[in-house]
Amino acid sequence: MVAQHGMKTGSSGPPIRYDAVEQCLRTVGDDALRLGASLHMPRIGCGLAGGKWERIEPIIIDTLSERDIPVTVYDFD
């Protein structure tokens, strides 16, 4: 998945592109459904990409969980 442009917050905001996250997760979800797979991930988009989990989590729910795709999100400290 490529959903960010750069790695630092600049004058134009964080490099995360939420629309790209959504598009990528829909595509991954299509493949997961076809393969009968589950998805496991960290809190994507919230590290160097500068995204907010409050915006990423609903995208995961809409594109994966609501399609009955099992998702596990790992929280690393």
C-alpha atoms as a PDB file:
ATOM      1  CA  MET A   1       0.000   0.000   0.000  1.00  0.00           C
ATOM      2  CA  VAL A   2       1.239   3.441  -0.851  1.00  0.00           C
ATOM      3  CA  ALA A   3      -0.876   6.081   0.820  1.00  0.00           C
ATOM      4  CA  GLN A   4       1.515   8.825   1.772  1.00  0.00           C
ATOM      5  CA  HIS A   5       3.742  11.342   0.083  1.00  0.00           C
ATOM      6  CA  GLY A   6       6.901  11.925   2.089  1.00  0.00           C
ATOM      7  CA  MET A   7       7.559  11.346   5.777  1.00  0.00           C
ATOM      8  CA  LYS A   8       7.347  14.687   7.540  1.00  0.00           C
ATOM      9  CA  THR A   9       4.636  17.203   8.206  1.00  0.00           C
ATOM     10  CA  GLY A  10       5.193  20.329   6.173  1.00  0.00           C
ATOM     11  CA  SER A  11       3.297  23.507   5.545  1.00  0.00           C
ATOM     12  CA  SER A  12       0.731  21.589   3.508  1.00  0.00           C
ATOM     13  CA  GLY A  13      -0.048  19.150   6.344  1.00  0.00           C
ATOM     14  CA  PRO A  14       0.812  15.511   7.032  1.00  0.00           C
ATOM     15  CA  PRO A  15       1.853  13.286   4.130  1.00  0.00           C
ATOM     16  CA  ILE A  16      -1.006  10.769   4.652  1.00  0.00           C
ATOM     17  CA  ARG A  17      -3.571  10.573   1.872  1.00  0.00           C
ATOM     18  CA  TYR A  18      -6.755   9.205   3.439  1.00  0.00           C
ATOM     19  CA  ASP A  19      -8.410   8.672   0.058  1.00  0.00           C
ATOM     20  CA  ALA A  20      -5.481   6.460  -0.979  1.00  0.00           C
ATOM     21  CA  VAL A  21      -5.759   4.487   2.288  1.00  0.00           C
ATOM     22  CA  GLU A  22      -9.417   3.841   1.518  1.00  0.00           C
ATOM     23  CA  GLN A  23      -8.757   2.811  -2.079  1.00  0.00           C
ATOM     24  CA  CYS A  24      -5.920   0.469  -1.051  1.00  0.00           C
ATOM     25  CA  LEU A  25      -7.941  -1.169   1.722  1.00  0.00           C
ATOM     26  CA  ARG A  26     -10.884  -1.748  -0.631  1.00  0.00           C
ATOM     27  CA  THR A  27      -8.528  -3.525  -3.034  1.00  0.00           C
ATOM     28  CA  VAL A  28      -6.936  -5.552  -0.243  1.00  0.00           C
ATOM     29  CA  GLY A  29     -10.426  -6.363   1.033  1.00  0.00           C
ATOM     30  CA  ASP A  30     -11.467  -7.659  -2.386  1.00  0.00           C
ATOM     31  CA  ASP A  31      -8.491 -10.020  -2.370  1.00  0.00           C
ATOM     32  CA  ALA A  32      -9.123 -11.072   1.242  1.00  0.00           C
ATOM     33  CA  LEU A  33     -12.719 -11.986   0.379  1.00  0.00           C
ATOM     34  CA  ARG A  34     -11.616 -13.939  -2.682  1.00  0.00           C
ATOM     35  CA  LEU A  35      -8.974 -15.824  -0.684  1.00  0.00           C
ATOM     36  CA  GLY A  36     -10.939 -16.191   2.559  1.00  0.00           C
ATOM     37  CA  ALA A  37      -8.109 -14.361   4.341  1.00  0.00           C
ATOM     38  CA  SER A  38      -7.945 -12.220   7.444  1.00  0.00           C
ATOM     39  CA  LEU A  39      -5.910  -9.028   7.772  1.00  0.00           C
ATOM     40  CA  HIS A  40      -3.368  -8.139  10.432  1.00  0.00           C
ATOM     41  CA  MET A  41      -1.749  -4.714  10.612  1.00  0.00           C
ATOM     42  CA  PRO A  42      -0.288  -2.061  12.875  1.00  0.00           C
ATOM     43  CA  ARG A  43      -2.045   1.293  13.183  1.00  0.00           C
ATOM     44  CA  ILE A  44      -1.362   2.088   9.554  1.00  0.00           C
ATOM     45  CA  GLY A  45      -0.896   5.698   8.522  1.00  0.00           C
ATOM     46  CA  CYS A  46      -0.328   6.955  12.059  1.00  0.00           C
ATOM     47  CA  GLY A  47       3.465   6.901  12.320  1.00  0.00           C
ATOM     48  CA  LEU A  48       5.704   8.679   9.855  1.00  0.00           C
ATOM     49  CA  ALA A  49       2.686   9.386   7.642  1.00  0.00           C
ATOM     50  CA  GLY A  50       1.274  11.672  10.355  1.00  0.00           C
ATOM     51  CA  GLY A  51      -2.300  10.401  10.100  1.00  0.00           C
ATOM     52  CA  LYS A  52      -4.866  10.380  12.885  1.00  0.00           C
ATOM     53  CA  TRP A  53      -6.216   7.045  14.103  1.00  0.00           C
ATOM     54  CA  GLU A  54      -9.609   8.717  14.531  1.00  0.00           C
ATOM     55  CA  ARG A  55      -9.722   9.031  10.719  1.00  0.00           C
ATOM     56  CA  ILE A  56      -8.044   5.724   9.832  1.00  0.00           C
ATOM     57  CA  GLU A  57     -10.148   3.438  12.042  1.00  0.00           C
ATOM     58  CA  PRO A  58     -13.481   4.321  10.359  1.00  0.00           C
ATOM     59  CA  ILE A  59     -11.885   3.628   6.960  1.00  0.00           C
ATOM     60  CA  ILE A  60     -10.843   0.161   8.178  1.00  0.00           C
ATOM     61  CA  ILE A  61     -14.343  -0.475   9.509  1.00  0.00           C
ATOM     62  CA  ASP A  62     -16.030   0.681   6.277  1.00  0.00           C
ATOM     63  CA  THR A  63     -13.706  -1.093   3.847  1.00  0.00           C
ATOM     64  CA  LEU A  64     -13.024  -4.317   5.768  1.00  0.00           C
ATOM     65  CA  SER A  65     -14.970  -5.000   8.962  1.00  0.00           C
ATOM     66  CA  GLU A  66     -18.372  -4.151   7.506  1.00  0.00           C
ATOM     67  CA  ARG A  67     -17.599  -6.626   4.706  1.00  0.00           C
ATOM     68  CA  ASP A  68     -17.098  -9.379   7.327  1.00  0.00           C
ATOM     69  CA  ILE A  69     -13.337  -9.504   6.783  1.00  0.00           C
ATOM     70  CA  PRO A  70     -11.582 -10.385  10.055  1.00  0.00           C
ATOM     71  CA  VAL A  71      -9.143  -7.614  11.003  1.00  0.00           C
ATOM     72  CA  THR A  72      -6.593  -7.514  13.808  1.00  0.00           C
ATOM     73  CA  VAL A  73      -4.856  -4.213  14.532  1.00  0.00           C
ATOM     74  CA  TYR A  74      -1.706  -4.407  16.629  1.00  0.00           C
ATOM     75  CA  ASP A  75      -0.757  -1.572  18.954  1.00  0.00           C
ATOM     76  CA  PHE A  76       3.022  -1.351  19.384  1.00  0.00           C
ATOM     77  CA  ASP A  77       4.557   0.658  22.185  1.00  0.00           C
END
